Amino acid sequence: MSEKINLTLKVWRQENTNVNGDFVSYDVSDVN
């Protein structure tokens, strides 16, 4: 699962570098 989140984070951040903060919040919730 960690690998999938990492990949999504990389791609998502590349497409929306301006809203990476919003994604970080989601990533933390997913890991929890």
PDB file of N, CA and C in Angstrom:
ATOM      1  N   MET A   1       0.839  -1.208   0.000  1.00  0.00           N
ATOM      2  CA  MET A   1       0.000   0.000   0.000  1.00  0.00           C
ATOM      3  C   MET A   1       0.873   1.258   0.000  1.00  0.00           C
ATOM      4  N   SER A   2       1.983   1.171   0.708  1.00  0.00           N
ATOM      5  CA  SER A   2       2.886   2.329   0.801  1.00  0.00           C
ATOM      6  C   SER A   2       3.372   2.728  -0.590  1.00  0.00           C
ATOM      7  N   GLU A   3       3.690   1.725  -1.401  1.00  0.00           N
ATOM      8  CA  GLU A   3       4.180   2.012  -2.749  1.00  0.00           C
ATOM      9  C   GLU A   3       3.118   2.734  -3.569  1.00  0.00           C
ATOM     10  N   LYS A   4       1.879   2.285  -3.441  1.00  0.00           N
ATOM     11  CA  LYS A   4       0.790   2.905  -4.209  1.00  0.00           C
ATOM     12  C   LYS A   4       0.613   4.370  -3.803  1.00  0.00           C
ATOM     13  N   ILE A   5       0.648   4.633  -2.517  1.00  0.00           N
ATOM     14  CA  ILE A   5       0.485   6.005  -2.025  1.00  0.00           C
ATOM     15  C   ILE A   5       1.640   6.872  -2.525  1.00  0.00           C
ATOM     16  N   ASN A   6       2.835   6.325  -2.487  1.00  0.00           N
ATOM     17  CA  ASN A   6       4.010   7.065  -2.931  1.00  0.00           C
ATOM     18  C   ASN A   6       3.879   7.427  -4.404  1.00  0.00           C
ATOM     19  N   LEU A   7       3.465   6.477  -5.214  1.00  0.00           N
ATOM     20  CA  LEU A   7       3.310   6.717  -6.650  1.00  0.00           C
ATOM     21  C   LEU A   7       2.251   7.781  -6.896  1.00  0.00           C
ATOM     22  N   THR A   8       1.105   7.641  -6.227  1.00  0.00           N
ATOM     23  CA  THR A   8       0.022   8.610  -6.400  1.00  0.00           C
ATOM     24  C   THR A   8       0.474   9.994  -5.980  1.00  0.00           C
ATOM     25  N   LEU A   9       1.199  10.058  -4.884  1.00  0.00           N
ATOM     26  CA  LEU A   9       1.677  11.350  -4.388  1.00  0.00           C
ATOM     27  C   LEU A   9       2.591  12.010  -5.414  1.00  0.00           C
ATOM     28  N   LYS A  10       3.476  11.228  -6.010  1.00  0.00           N
ATOM     29  CA  LYS A  10       4.412  11.757  -7.006  1.00  0.00           C
ATOM     30  C   LYS A  10       3.644  12.311  -8.209  1.00  0.00           C
ATOM     31  N   VAL A  11       2.713  11.523  -8.731  1.00  0.00           N
ATOM     32  CA  VAL A  11       1.949  11.935  -9.910  1.00  0.00           C
ATOM     33  C   VAL A  11       1.044  13.113  -9.580  1.00  0.00           C
ATOM     34  N   TRP A  12       0.334  13.014  -8.456  1.00  0.00           N
ATOM     35  CA  TRP A  12      -0.611  14.069  -8.068  1.00  0.00           C
ATOM     36  C   TRP A  12       0.114  15.388  -7.868  1.00  0.00           C
ATOM     37  N   ARG A  13       1.253  15.331  -7.201  1.00  0.00           N
ATOM     38  CA  ARG A  13       2.017  16.553  -6.926  1.00  0.00           C
ATOM     39  C   ARG A  13       2.511  17.168  -8.230  1.00  0.00           C
ATOM     40  N   GLN A  14       2.862  16.332  -9.191  1.00  0.00           N
ATOM     41  CA  GLN A  14       3.359  16.838 -10.468  1.00  0.00           C
ATOM     42  C   GLN A  14       2.238  17.549 -11.227  1.00  0.00           C
ATOM     43  N   GLU A  15       1.019  17.050 -11.102  1.00  0.00           N
ATOM     44  CA  GLU A  15      -0.111  17.655 -11.826  1.00  0.00           C
ATOM     45  C   GLU A  15      -0.691  18.834 -11.061  1.00  0.00           C
ATOM     46  N   ASN A  16      -0.603  18.799  -9.760  1.00  0.00           N
ATOM     47  CA  ASN A  16      -1.154  19.890  -8.933  1.00  0.00           C
ATOM     48  C   ASN A  16      -0.166  20.284  -7.847  1.00  0.00           C
ATOM     49  N   THR A  17       0.918  20.891  -8.254  1.00  0.00           N
ATOM     50  CA  THR A  17       1.932  21.301  -7.280  1.00  0.00           C
ATOM     51  C   THR A  17       1.386  22.411  -6.392  1.00  0.00           C
ATOM     52  N   ASN A  18       0.410  23.142  -6.891  1.00  0.00           N
ATOM     53  CA  ASN A  18      -0.140  24.269  -6.138  1.00  0.00           C
ATOM     54  C   ASN A  18      -1.019  23.795  -4.988  1.00  0.00           C
ATOM     55  N   VAL A  19      -1.616  22.607  -5.124  1.00  0.00           N
ATOM     56  CA  VAL A  19      -2.532  22.132  -4.089  1.00  0.00           C
ATOM     57  C   VAL A  19      -1.971  20.890  -3.406  1.00  0.00           C
ATOM     58  N   ASN A  20      -0.654  20.782  -3.323  1.00  0.00           N
ATOM     59  CA  ASN A  20      -0.055  19.586  -2.710  1.00  0.00           C
ATOM     60  C   ASN A  20      -0.432  19.504  -1.228  1.00  0.00           C
ATOM     61  N   GLY A  21      -0.675  20.657  -0.608  1.00  0.00           N
ATOM     62  CA  GLY A  21      -1.049  20.665   0.810  1.00  0.00           C
ATOM     63  C   GLY A  21      -2.331  19.878   1.048  1.00  0.00           C
ATOM     64  N   ASP A  22      -3.299  20.045   0.167  1.00  0.00           N
ATOM     65  CA  ASP A  22      -4.568  19.344   0.323  1.00  0.00           C
ATOM     66  C   ASP A  22      -4.349  17.833   0.223  1.00  0.00           C
ATOM     67  N   PHE A  23      -3.461  17.441  -0.661  1.00  0.00           N
ATOM     68  CA  PHE A  23      -3.198  16.021  -0.857  1.00  0.00           C
ATOM     69  C   PHE A  23      -2.454  15.426   0.345  1.00  0.00           C
ATOM     70  N   VAL A  24      -1.573  16.210   0.928  1.00  0.00           N
ATOM     71  CA  VAL A  24      -0.807  15.733   2.086  1.00  0.00           C
ATOM     72  C   VAL A  24      -1.769  15.338   3.203  1.00  0.00           C
ATOM     73  N   SER A  25      -2.802  16.141   3.409  1.00  0.00           N
ATOM     74  CA  SER A  25      -3.786  15.863   4.457  1.00  0.00           C
ATOM     75  C   SER A  25      -4.443  14.507   4.174  1.00  0.00           C
ATOM     76  N   TYR A  26      -4.775  14.244   2.922  1.00  0.00           N
ATOM     77  CA  TYR A  26      -5.423  12.999   2.544  1.00  0.00           C
ATOM     78  C   TYR A  26      -4.462  11.818   2.721  1.00  0.00           C
ATOM     79  N   ASP A  27      -3.198  12.055   2.341  1.00  0.00           N
ATOM     80  CA  ASP A  27      -2.197  11.003   2.455  1.00  0.00           C
ATOM     81  C   ASP A  27      -2.037  10.561   3.910  1.00  0.00           C
ATOM     82  N   VAL A  28      -1.980  11.508   4.812  1.00  0.00           N
ATOM     83  CA  VAL A  28      -1.830  11.197   6.238  1.00  0.00           C
ATOM     84  C   VAL A  28      -3.028  10.384   6.730  1.00  0.00           C
ATOM     85  N   SER A  29      -4.220  10.760   6.298  1.00  0.00           N
ATOM     86  CA  SER A  29      -5.433  10.058   6.723  1.00  0.00           C
ATOM     87  C   SER A  29      -5.392   8.615   6.202  1.00  0.00           C
ATOM     88  N   ASP A  30      -4.914   8.440   4.975  1.00  0.00           N
ATOM     89  CA  ASP A  30      -4.849   7.119   4.376  1.00  0.00           C
ATOM     90  C   ASP A  30      -3.868   6.230   5.148  1.00  0.00           C
ATOM     91  N   VAL A  31      -2.745   6.783   5.510  1.00  0.00           N
ATOM     92  CA  VAL A  31      -1.720   6.014   6.230  1.00  0.00           C
ATOM     93  C   VAL A  31      -2.241   5.609   7.604  1.00  0.00           C
ATOM     94  N   ASN A  32      -2.980   6.490   8.218  1.00  0.00           N
ATOM     95  CA  ASN A  32      -3.517   6.203   9.535  1.00  0.00           C
ATOM     96  C   ASN A  32      -4.510   5.065   9.418  1.00  0.00           C
TER      97      ASN A  32
END
